[in-house]
Amino acid sequence: MSRGRRSGTGSSSGTAKENRPTQDTFHCTACDHQAHADTVGALNVLRAGLARRNAQPA
């Protein structure tokens, strides 16, 4: 995985290689969540953006 990239569900780390049985499928081995990998990636980007927007400036 590249730096800062996750394939998680939010409730688990989701970075295990086994979570991606195919390139377009995400299946979390920790919580059994299943979705299209692009959907999971988009949600991760959204969560990161919202967290950054709500972060307090240094």
C-alpha atoms as a PDB file:
ATOM      1  CA  MET A   1       0.000   0.000   0.000  1.00  0.00           C
ATOM      2  CA  SER A   2       1.154   3.496  -0.667  1.00  0.00           C
ATOM      3  CA  ARG A   3       1.728   5.989   2.131  1.00  0.00           C
ATOM      4  CA  GLY A   4      -1.496   7.211   3.693  1.00  0.00           C
ATOM      5  CA  ARG A   5      -3.726   4.957   1.641  1.00  0.00           C
ATOM      6  CA  ARG A   6      -6.334   2.811   3.351  1.00  0.00           C
ATOM      7  CA  SER A   7      -8.886   0.362   2.147  1.00  0.00           C
ATOM      8  CA  GLY A   8     -10.824   0.304   5.354  1.00  0.00           C
ATOM      9  CA  THR A   9     -14.377   0.516   6.552  1.00  0.00           C
ATOM     10  CA  GLY A  10     -13.973   3.071   9.281  1.00  0.00           C
ATOM     11  CA  SER A  11     -14.731   0.538  11.995  1.00  0.00           C
ATOM     12  CA  SER A  12     -11.588  -1.467  11.292  1.00  0.00           C
ATOM     13  CA  SER A  13      -8.140  -0.756   9.910  1.00  0.00           C
ATOM     14  CA  GLY A  14      -8.918  -2.651   6.723  1.00  0.00           C
ATOM     15  CA  THR A  15      -5.365  -2.648   5.427  1.00  0.00           C
ATOM     16  CA  ALA A  16      -4.929  -6.424   5.189  1.00  0.00           C
ATOM     17  CA  LYS A  17      -4.147  -7.657   1.697  1.00  0.00           C
ATOM     18  CA  GLU A  18      -6.847 -10.314   2.143  1.00  0.00           C
ATOM     19  CA  ASN A  19      -9.488  -7.525   2.170  1.00  0.00           C
ATOM     20  CA  ARG A  20      -9.099  -7.184  -1.604  1.00  0.00           C
ATOM     21  CA  PRO A  21      -9.930 -10.585  -3.151  1.00  0.00           C
ATOM     22  CA  THR A  22     -10.127  -8.854  -6.560  1.00  0.00           C
ATOM     23  CA  GLN A  23      -9.167  -5.377  -7.726  1.00  0.00           C
ATOM     24  CA  ASP A  24     -12.759  -4.105  -7.686  1.00  0.00           C
ATOM     25  CA  THR A  25     -13.997  -5.910  -4.565  1.00  0.00           C
ATOM     26  CA  PHE A  26     -13.476  -5.012  -0.916  1.00  0.00           C
ATOM     27  CA  HIS A  27     -14.348  -7.562   1.779  1.00  0.00           C
ATOM     28  CA  CYS A  28     -13.172  -6.683   5.298  1.00  0.00           C
ATOM     29  CA  THR A  29     -11.900  -9.776   7.075  1.00  0.00           C
ATOM     30  CA  ALA A  30     -12.336  -8.084  10.481  1.00  0.00           C
ATOM     31  CA  CYS A  31     -15.982  -6.978  10.274  1.00  0.00           C
ATOM     32  CA  ASP A  32     -17.259  -8.801   7.141  1.00  0.00           C
ATOM     33  CA  HIS A  33     -18.221  -5.522   5.382  1.00  0.00           C
ATOM     34  CA  GLN A  34     -18.432  -5.918   1.587  1.00  0.00           C
ATOM     35  CA  ALA A  35     -18.543  -3.174  -1.042  1.00  0.00           C
ATOM     36  CA  HIS A  36     -17.077  -2.082  -4.342  1.00  0.00           C
ATOM     37  CA  ALA A  37     -13.482  -0.985  -3.752  1.00  0.00           C
ATOM     38  CA  ASP A  38     -14.092   2.427  -5.390  1.00  0.00           C
ATOM     39  CA  THR A  39     -16.964   3.096  -2.984  1.00  0.00           C
ATOM     40  CA  VAL A  40     -14.796   2.245   0.017  1.00  0.00           C
ATOM     41  CA  GLY A  41     -12.004   4.444  -1.335  1.00  0.00           C
ATOM     42  CA  ALA A  42     -14.349   7.373  -1.927  1.00  0.00           C
ATOM     43  CA  LEU A  43     -15.702   7.110   1.619  1.00  0.00           C
ATOM     44  CA  ASN A  44     -12.154   7.061   2.997  1.00  0.00           C
ATOM     45  CA  VAL A  45     -11.305  10.231   1.048  1.00  0.00           C
ATOM     46  CA  LEU A  46     -14.499  11.887   2.310  1.00  0.00           C
ATOM     47  CA  ARG A  47     -13.749  10.934   5.935  1.00  0.00           C
ATOM     48  CA  ALA A  48     -10.193  12.241   5.637  1.00  0.00           C
ATOM     49  CA  GLY A  49     -11.402  15.538   4.152  1.00  0.00           C
ATOM     50  CA  LEU A  50     -14.021  16.012   6.858  1.00  0.00           C
ATOM     51  CA  ALA A  51     -11.486  15.222   9.572  1.00  0.00           C
ATOM     52  CA  ARG A  52      -9.046  17.711   8.078  1.00  0.00           C
ATOM     53  CA  ARG A  53     -11.718  20.393   7.774  1.00  0.00           C
ATOM     54  CA  ASN A  54     -12.702  19.920  11.419  1.00  0.00           C
ATOM     55  CA  ALA A  55      -9.119  19.801  12.716  1.00  0.00           C
ATOM     56  CA  GLN A  56      -7.911  22.683  14.829  1.00  0.00           C
ATOM     57  CA  PRO A  57      -5.190  24.819  13.203  1.00  0.00           C
ATOM     58  CA  ALA A  58      -1.733  24.451  14.723  1.00  0.00           C
END
